[in-house]
Amino acid sequence: MRFAAKLEFEIESETIAAVKKMHKKITTVSQERLRDEITKIITHENSYRGLLLLKSTGIFRLLFPELSKLEKVEQSKKYHPEGDVLSHTFLLFKRAAQPLSTVLAWAALLHDVGKFSTFKIRKGNPTFYRHEVEGATLASKIMKKYCLPSTIIKEVENLIKDHLKLIHVKDMKDSTFKKLVNKSCNKNQPARSYFQNLLTLFKLDSLASSGDLDNYAYGCERLNNLQPGEENPPPLLNGHDLTKMGFKPGPRFGSVLHKIRNMQLDGTITSTEEAKNTALKLMHKKDNDE
């Protein structure tokens, strides 16, 4: 399947018939070998054809029974004119202009895996509330089955959880956007690389459905307008500062510092003095509330 997709040749009719007849033997192959072959197929520029070959021979259903169920799951024609969820998933690979990284390829393949269990008709329309949360959990189980590295599993899981967030990028507070830009799934991940992957996944998801790239373009523009490191400036205040101000350490420290950090990222406070004054108000407000 991989070489037929990669080299763009047709498989001889008797050979393809034999593959279909013996496709269940794929279950005797080690998970590690299957992982490598799947990854090579979905990261190649002809991944779409590779997936279609796996599906037409019955192999895909054995490799990914969770994804195969999506073929019967219809979506809103307004937002998904391409049809069912599996067709949409495959279309992401067709819309990719270049080979995908291992992380992006697995994220693209599994990003909507949670739609089967969350499908429900509401007011005459198919809905999939919290499918990104359900999908992240299920995707993690699938990737663990195929023995993918933990770093890849963690990032793919997070990409699936976050893949709908950029729908609201125009309404995001600066603090929310900056935290998303600054997000990292491991200590060695380069700055902003997670967000770049999220942008790419969102672009592919949009191209494979409505085709509207307005939010994607806005997200790119908003990212480009950030100065280097602006998404993660040094905190204006920390717990030691609150202690020096005479407050006793306790649970409220976290919530106060969280609010001050958000205000800093939103640009509503810009100096340590403003941060301290805000902390005083917040701490005393808590005292008064009690």
Protein backbone atom coordinates (compact mmCIF):
# COMPACT_ATOMS: atom_id res chain seq x y z
CA MET A 1 0.00 0.00 0.00
CA ARG A 2 2.75 2.44 0.95
CA PHE A 3 4.82 1.92 -2.17
CA ALA A 4 1.77 2.08 -4.42
CA ALA A 5 0.86 5.43 -2.89
CA LYS A 6 4.41 6.76 -2.80
CA LEU A 7 5.36 5.75 -6.35
CA GLU A 8 1.89 6.40 -7.78
CA PHE A 9 1.46 3.06 -9.52
CA GLU A 10 -1.58 0.85 -9.80
CA ILE A 11 -1.57 -2.49 -8.00
CA GLU A 12 -2.10 -5.44 -10.36
CA SER A 13 -5.65 -6.79 -10.13
CA GLU A 14 -4.74 -10.29 -8.91
CA THR A 15 -2.44 -8.80 -6.26
CA ILE A 16 -5.10 -6.44 -4.93
CA ALA A 17 -7.59 -9.32 -4.88
CA ALA A 18 -5.14 -11.37 -2.81
CA VAL A 19 -4.63 -8.46 -0.41
CA LYS A 20 -8.38 -8.16 0.10
CA LYS A 21 -8.68 -11.90 0.67
CA MET A 22 -5.82 -12.04 3.17
CA HIS A 23 -6.19 -8.60 4.77
CA LYS A 24 -6.97 -10.04 8.22
CA LYS A 25 -3.41 -11.33 8.47
CA ILE A 26 -2.36 -7.73 9.10
CA THR A 27 -3.33 -8.38 12.74
CA THR A 28 -0.37 -10.77 13.08
CA VAL A 29 2.14 -7.99 12.41
CA SER A 30 3.77 -6.33 15.43
CA GLN A 31 2.33 -3.02 16.63
CA GLU A 32 5.71 -1.35 16.21
CA ARG A 33 5.98 -2.40 12.56
CA LEU A 34 2.42 -1.27 11.91
CA ARG A 35 3.18 2.06 13.58
CA ASP A 36 6.14 2.62 11.30
CA GLU A 37 4.23 1.73 8.14
CA ILE A 38 1.20 3.83 9.09
CA THR A 39 3.45 6.80 9.91
CA LYS A 40 5.29 6.50 6.60
CA ILE A 41 1.98 6.50 4.73
CA ILE A 42 0.35 9.45 6.51
CA THR A 43 3.47 11.64 6.47
CA HIS A 44 4.02 11.22 2.73
CA GLU A 45 2.77 13.73 0.18
CA ASN A 46 0.55 11.03 -1.33
CA SER A 47 -0.98 10.13 2.04
CA TYR A 48 -4.54 10.60 0.77
CA ARG A 49 -4.10 7.86 -1.83
CA GLY A 50 -2.45 5.63 0.74
CA LEU A 51 -5.41 5.96 3.08
CA LEU A 52 -7.86 5.21 0.28
CA LEU A 53 -5.92 2.04 -0.59
CA LEU A 54 -5.95 0.92 3.04
CA LYS A 55 -9.68 1.53 3.20
CA SER A 56 -10.55 -0.20 -0.09
CA THR A 57 -8.66 -3.35 0.90
CA GLY A 58 -10.27 -3.60 4.35
CA ILE A 59 -6.96 -3.03 6.14
CA PHE A 60 -7.90 0.40 7.48
CA ARG A 61 -10.92 -1.03 9.33
CA LEU A 62 -8.67 -3.52 11.11
CA LEU A 63 -6.03 -0.94 11.95
CA PHE A 64 -8.48 1.75 13.10
CA PRO A 65 -11.91 0.34 13.98
CA GLU A 66 -12.57 3.54 15.96
CA LEU A 67 -12.05 5.68 12.86
CA SER A 68 -13.94 3.34 10.55
CA LYS A 69 -17.09 3.98 12.59
CA LEU A 70 -16.91 7.62 11.46
CA GLU A 71 -17.86 6.67 7.91
CA LYS A 72 -21.50 6.46 8.97
CA VAL A 73 -21.46 9.67 11.03
CA GLU A 74 -23.02 12.52 9.07
CA GLN A 75 -22.25 16.18 9.76
CA SER A 76 -23.98 19.51 9.21
CA LYS A 77 -24.03 20.18 5.47
CA LYS A 78 -23.66 23.88 6.22
CA TYR A 79 -20.26 23.47 7.83
CA HIS A 80 -19.23 20.14 6.32
CA PRO A 81 -20.36 19.89 2.69
CA GLU A 82 -17.75 17.17 2.19
CA GLY A 83 -19.97 14.65 3.98
CA ASP A 84 -19.33 12.14 6.74
CA VAL A 85 -16.60 12.42 9.37
CA LEU A 86 -14.27 9.84 7.82
CA SER A 87 -14.44 11.55 4.41
CA HIS A 88 -13.58 14.79 6.16
CA THR A 89 -10.65 13.16 7.96
CA PHE A 90 -9.20 11.74 4.74
CA LEU A 91 -9.70 15.09 3.01
CA LEU A 92 -7.33 16.77 5.44
CA PHE A 93 -4.53 14.76 3.88
CA LYS A 94 -5.65 15.62 0.37
CA ARG A 95 -5.64 19.32 1.26
CA ALA A 96 -2.13 19.20 2.75
CA ALA A 97 0.18 21.03 0.34
CA GLN A 98 3.26 19.19 1.58
CA PRO A 99 4.29 16.17 3.68
CA LEU A 100 3.24 16.41 7.32
CA SER A 101 5.38 15.85 10.39
CA THR A 102 4.67 12.77 12.47
CA VAL A 103 2.88 14.86 15.11
CA LEU A 104 0.69 16.69 12.61
CA ALA A 105 -0.11 13.55 10.61
CA TRP A 106 -1.34 11.63 13.65
CA ALA A 107 -3.21 14.69 14.91
CA ALA A 108 -4.92 15.09 11.53
CA LEU A 109 -5.82 11.40 11.43
CA LEU A 110 -7.30 11.32 14.93
CA HIS A 111 -8.59 14.87 15.47
CA ASP A 112 -12.28 13.93 15.11
CA VAL A 113 -12.17 10.38 16.48
CA GLY A 114 -14.39 11.51 19.35
CA LYS A 115 -17.31 12.38 17.10
CA PHE A 116 -18.76 8.87 17.04
CA SER A 117 -19.39 8.71 20.79
CA THR A 118 -20.56 12.34 21.07
CA PHE A 119 -22.93 12.37 18.07
CA LYS A 120 -26.42 13.59 18.91
CA ILE A 121 -29.20 15.23 16.90
CA ARG A 122 -30.25 18.52 18.48
CA LYS A 123 -32.94 20.69 16.88
CA GLY A 124 -32.66 18.66 13.73
CA ASN A 125 -28.88 19.06 13.37
CA PRO A 126 -26.00 16.69 14.15
CA THR A 127 -23.89 17.89 17.07
CA PHE A 128 -20.69 16.66 18.71
CA TYR A 129 -20.40 18.47 22.03
CA ARG A 130 -17.00 18.01 23.69
CA HIS A 131 -15.82 15.67 20.95
CA GLU A 132 -12.36 17.23 21.24
CA VAL A 133 -12.12 16.09 24.87
CA GLU A 134 -13.45 12.58 24.20
CA GLY A 135 -11.29 12.39 21.10
CA ALA A 136 -8.07 13.30 22.90
CA THR A 137 -8.60 10.47 25.38
CA LEU A 138 -9.40 7.92 22.69
CA ALA A 139 -6.55 9.10 20.46
CA SER A 140 -4.11 8.60 23.33
CA LYS A 141 -5.26 4.98 23.72
CA ILE A 142 -4.87 4.35 19.98
CA MET A 143 -1.37 5.82 19.87
CA LYS A 144 -0.30 3.88 22.94
CA LYS A 145 -1.52 0.71 21.25
CA TYR A 146 0.85 1.48 18.38
CA CYS A 147 3.70 2.30 20.76
CA LEU A 148 4.27 5.88 19.65
CA PRO A 149 6.76 7.89 21.74
CA SER A 150 5.23 9.58 24.78
CA THR A 151 6.31 13.04 23.56
CA ILE A 152 4.34 12.58 20.33
CA ILE A 153 1.32 11.16 22.16
CA LYS A 154 1.25 14.13 24.54
CA GLU A 155 1.43 16.74 21.80
CA VAL A 156 -1.14 15.04 19.57
CA GLU A 157 -3.48 14.67 22.54
CA ASN A 158 -3.17 18.39 23.28
CA LEU A 159 -3.62 19.37 19.63
CA ILE A 160 -6.85 17.41 19.51
CA LYS A 161 -8.09 19.06 22.72
CA ASP A 162 -7.23 22.50 21.33
CA HIS A 163 -8.16 22.08 17.67
CA LEU A 164 -11.43 24.04 17.97
CA LYS A 165 -10.04 26.98 19.93
CA LEU A 166 -8.98 29.05 16.93
CA ILE A 167 -12.59 29.22 15.80
CA HIS A 168 -12.84 31.93 18.48
CA VAL A 169 -9.47 33.59 17.81
CA LYS A 170 -11.06 36.95 16.92
CA ASP A 171 -12.76 37.12 20.32
CA MET A 172 -9.87 35.82 22.41
CA LYS A 173 -8.51 38.03 25.17
CA ASP A 174 -4.82 38.80 24.78
CA SER A 175 -4.04 36.70 27.85
CA THR A 176 -5.82 33.66 26.41
CA PHE A 177 -4.14 34.01 23.03
CA LYS A 178 -0.67 34.54 24.50
CA LYS A 179 -1.01 31.50 26.75
CA LEU A 180 -1.97 29.39 23.75
CA VAL A 181 1.01 30.73 21.78
CA ASN A 182 3.29 30.00 24.72
CA LYS A 183 1.96 26.48 25.29
CA SER A 184 4.52 23.69 25.21
CA CYS A 185 4.13 19.93 25.57
CA ASN A 186 7.70 19.20 26.59
CA LYS A 187 10.63 21.18 27.95
CA ASN A 188 12.67 20.84 24.75
CA GLN A 189 9.94 22.12 22.43
CA PRO A 190 11.00 25.30 20.58
CA ALA A 191 9.07 28.47 21.38
CA ARG A 192 5.78 28.80 19.50
CA SER A 193 6.21 25.46 17.69
CA TYR A 194 3.13 23.95 19.37
CA PHE A 195 1.03 26.92 18.28
CA GLN A 196 2.41 26.66 14.73
CA ASN A 197 1.28 23.02 14.64
CA LEU A 198 -2.12 24.05 15.98
CA LEU A 199 -2.41 26.68 13.24
CA THR A 200 -1.54 24.13 10.56
CA LEU A 201 -4.03 21.59 11.90
CA PHE A 202 -6.72 24.28 12.04
CA LYS A 203 -5.94 25.29 8.44
CA LEU A 204 -6.23 21.71 7.19
CA ASP A 205 -9.42 21.19 9.18
CA SER A 206 -10.91 24.32 7.61
CA LEU A 207 -9.80 23.42 4.09
CA ALA A 208 -11.37 19.98 4.46
CA SER A 209 -14.73 21.44 5.48
CA SER A 210 -16.07 24.93 4.71
CA GLY A 211 -12.84 26.13 3.11
CA ASP A 212 -13.05 29.39 5.06
CA LEU A 213 -9.55 30.46 6.14
CA ASP A 214 -10.54 33.80 7.65
CA ASN A 215 -9.91 32.73 11.26
CA TYR A 216 -6.69 31.00 10.25
CA ALA A 217 -5.41 34.15 8.56
CA TYR A 218 -6.40 36.24 11.58
CA GLY A 219 -4.55 33.83 13.88
CA CYS A 220 -1.41 34.10 11.73
CA GLU A 221 -1.64 37.89 11.69
CA ARG A 222 -2.15 38.07 15.43
CA LEU A 223 0.84 35.81 15.98
CA ASN A 224 3.04 37.88 13.68
CA ASN A 225 2.10 41.02 15.59
CA LEU A 226 3.55 39.59 18.81
CA GLN A 227 7.08 40.65 19.59
CA PRO A 228 9.54 37.82 20.41
CA GLY A 229 8.85 36.67 23.97
CA GLU A 230 5.80 38.92 24.36
CA GLU A 231 3.64 35.87 25.04
CA ASN A 232 5.71 34.99 28.12
CA PRO A 233 7.17 38.08 29.82
CA PRO A 234 8.74 37.81 33.29
CA PRO A 235 5.94 37.92 35.92
CA LEU A 236 5.46 41.29 37.57
CA LEU A 237 4.74 39.60 40.89
CA ASN A 238 5.32 36.26 42.59
CA GLY A 239 4.57 34.54 45.88
CA HIS A 240 7.73 35.85 47.55
CA ASP A 241 6.62 39.39 46.74
CA LEU A 242 3.24 38.78 48.38
CA THR A 243 4.99 37.43 51.49
CA LYS A 244 7.23 40.49 51.64
CA MET A 245 4.08 42.62 51.46
CA GLY A 246 2.99 41.03 54.73
CA PHE A 247 0.56 38.38 53.51
CA LYS A 248 0.60 34.87 54.89
CA PRO A 249 1.10 32.17 52.23
CA GLY A 250 -2.07 30.26 51.45
CA PRO A 251 -4.43 29.03 48.74
CA ARG A 252 -5.46 32.56 47.74
CA PHE A 253 -1.91 33.32 46.55
CA GLY A 254 -2.47 31.19 43.47
CA SER A 255 -5.75 32.81 42.44
CA VAL A 256 -4.44 36.35 43.04
CA LEU A 257 -1.24 35.73 41.09
CA HIS A 258 -3.27 34.11 38.30
CA LYS A 259 -5.48 37.20 38.00
CA ILE A 260 -2.48 39.51 38.02
CA ARG A 261 -0.72 37.42 35.38
CA ASN A 262 -3.78 37.59 33.13
CA MET A 263 -3.97 41.35 33.61
CA GLN A 264 -0.29 41.62 32.71
CA LEU A 265 -0.77 39.59 29.54
CA ASP A 266 -3.87 41.64 28.67
CA GLY A 267 -1.84 44.82 29.11
CA THR A 268 -4.07 46.30 31.82
CA ILE A 269 -1.15 46.44 34.26
CA THR A 270 2.40 47.08 33.07
CA SER A 271 4.55 47.67 36.15
CA THR A 272 5.46 45.99 39.42
CA GLU A 273 3.92 48.90 41.32
CA GLU A 274 0.59 48.41 39.54
CA ALA A 275 0.80 44.69 40.22
CA LYS A 276 1.36 45.27 43.93
CA ASN A 277 -1.51 47.73 44.16
CA THR A 278 -3.77 45.25 42.39
CA ALA A 279 -2.65 42.46 44.72
CA LEU A 280 -3.48 44.60 47.75
CA LYS A 281 -7.00 45.22 46.46
CA LEU A 282 -7.54 41.56 45.62
CA MET A 283 -6.22 40.29 48.92
CA HIS A 284 -8.24 42.80 50.95
CA LYS A 285 -11.33 42.10 48.86
CA LYS A 286 -11.01 38.46 49.83
CA ASP A 287 -10.68 39.44 53.47
CA ASN A 288 -13.81 41.58 53.27
CA ASP A 289 -15.72 38.85 51.50
CA GLU A 290 -14.86 36.49 54.32
